[in-house]
Amino acid sequence: MVSARTATAAVGVLASLAVSVVLWQVFDVALFFLAVPFVPFLFRSRDDRPSVRECPACGFRTRDAGFDYCPRDGTELERD
């Protein structure tokens, strides 16, 4: 299944290429640089994100490194 981030980046690339083709036809100038901002989103790996940590008592989950203990019950968070 394609993630929402990848789908959004793909639509952005296609839209920017479509705009580039239209501008090329109208002004006779190739403006393919409009797609460049979306390239990092397409090739970004999931490893860049911090791991999920979960409270074994209540199920609280977070990726925020600022949480060492569950804010609900004070139990130390475990890594997935």
Protein backbone atom coordinates (compact mmCIF):
# COMPACT_ATOMS: atom_id res chain seq x y z
CA MET A 1 0.00 0.00 0.00
CA VAL A 2 1.28 3.46 -0.90
CA SER A 3 1.66 5.85 2.02
CA ALA A 4 -0.12 9.20 1.98
CA ARG A 5 3.19 11.06 1.95
CA THR A 6 4.41 9.19 -1.13
CA ALA A 7 1.08 9.67 -2.90
CA THR A 8 1.13 13.41 -2.15
CA ALA A 9 4.70 13.72 -3.43
CA ALA A 10 3.86 11.79 -6.60
CA VAL A 11 0.84 14.01 -7.29
CA GLY A 12 3.00 17.09 -6.66
CA VAL A 13 5.66 15.89 -9.07
CA LEU A 14 3.08 15.13 -11.77
CA ALA A 15 1.37 18.51 -11.26
CA SER A 16 4.66 20.40 -11.39
CA LEU A 17 5.70 18.54 -14.54
CA ALA A 18 2.32 19.36 -16.11
CA VAL A 19 2.82 23.05 -15.25
CA SER A 20 6.34 22.85 -16.68
CA VAL A 21 5.04 21.44 -19.98
CA VAL A 22 2.39 24.15 -20.23
CA LEU A 23 4.92 26.89 -19.48
CA TRP A 24 7.32 25.35 -22.00
CA GLN A 25 4.63 25.46 -24.69
CA VAL A 26 3.53 29.02 -23.86
CA PHE A 27 6.88 30.70 -23.15
CA ASP A 28 9.26 28.29 -24.94
CA VAL A 29 11.27 27.85 -21.72
CA ALA A 30 11.71 24.54 -19.92
CA LEU A 31 10.97 24.94 -16.21
CA PHE A 32 11.45 21.40 -14.95
CA PHE A 33 12.95 22.68 -11.70
CA LEU A 34 9.42 22.95 -10.28
CA ALA A 35 9.56 19.21 -9.44
CA VAL A 36 12.82 19.41 -7.49
CA PRO A 37 11.29 20.23 -4.05
CA PHE A 38 9.30 16.97 -4.10
CA VAL A 39 12.19 14.60 -4.84
CA PRO A 40 13.34 14.21 -1.19
CA PHE A 41 9.83 13.09 -0.18
CA LEU A 42 9.87 10.30 -2.76
CA PHE A 43 13.18 8.80 -1.66
CA ARG A 44 13.02 9.40 2.08
CA SER A 45 13.36 6.23 4.12
CA ARG A 46 11.27 5.34 7.12
CA ASP A 47 14.45 4.90 9.20
CA ASP A 48 14.74 8.68 9.60
CA ARG A 49 11.90 8.70 12.09
CA PRO A 50 12.48 7.91 15.76
CA SER A 51 11.20 4.56 17.01
CA VAL A 52 7.83 4.26 18.67
CA ARG A 53 7.84 3.85 22.43
CA GLU A 54 4.84 2.42 24.24
CA CYS A 55 3.59 2.20 27.80
CA PRO A 56 3.05 -1.47 28.72
CA ALA A 57 0.37 -0.56 31.27
CA CYS A 58 -2.01 1.73 29.36
CA GLY A 59 -0.88 1.55 25.70
CA PHE A 60 0.20 5.22 25.38
CA ARG A 61 2.43 5.52 22.27
CA THR A 62 4.82 8.29 21.21
CA ARG A 63 7.78 9.05 18.95
CA ASP A 64 8.76 12.08 21.03
CA ALA A 65 12.20 11.54 22.58
CA GLY A 66 11.21 13.84 25.44
CA PHE A 67 9.05 11.14 27.01
CA ASP A 68 10.88 8.55 29.11
CA TYR A 69 7.84 7.79 31.26
CA CYS A 70 4.14 7.58 30.51
CA PRO A 71 2.37 10.89 31.24
CA ARG A 72 -0.76 8.98 32.28
CA ASP A 73 0.58 6.56 34.89
CA GLY A 74 4.36 7.11 35.21
CA THR A 75 5.39 3.70 33.83
CA GLU A 76 8.69 3.61 31.93
CA LEU A 77 8.10 3.46 28.17
CA GLU A 78 9.35 0.46 26.16
CA ARG A 79 10.61 0.57 22.58
CA ASP A 80 8.68 -1.36 19.91
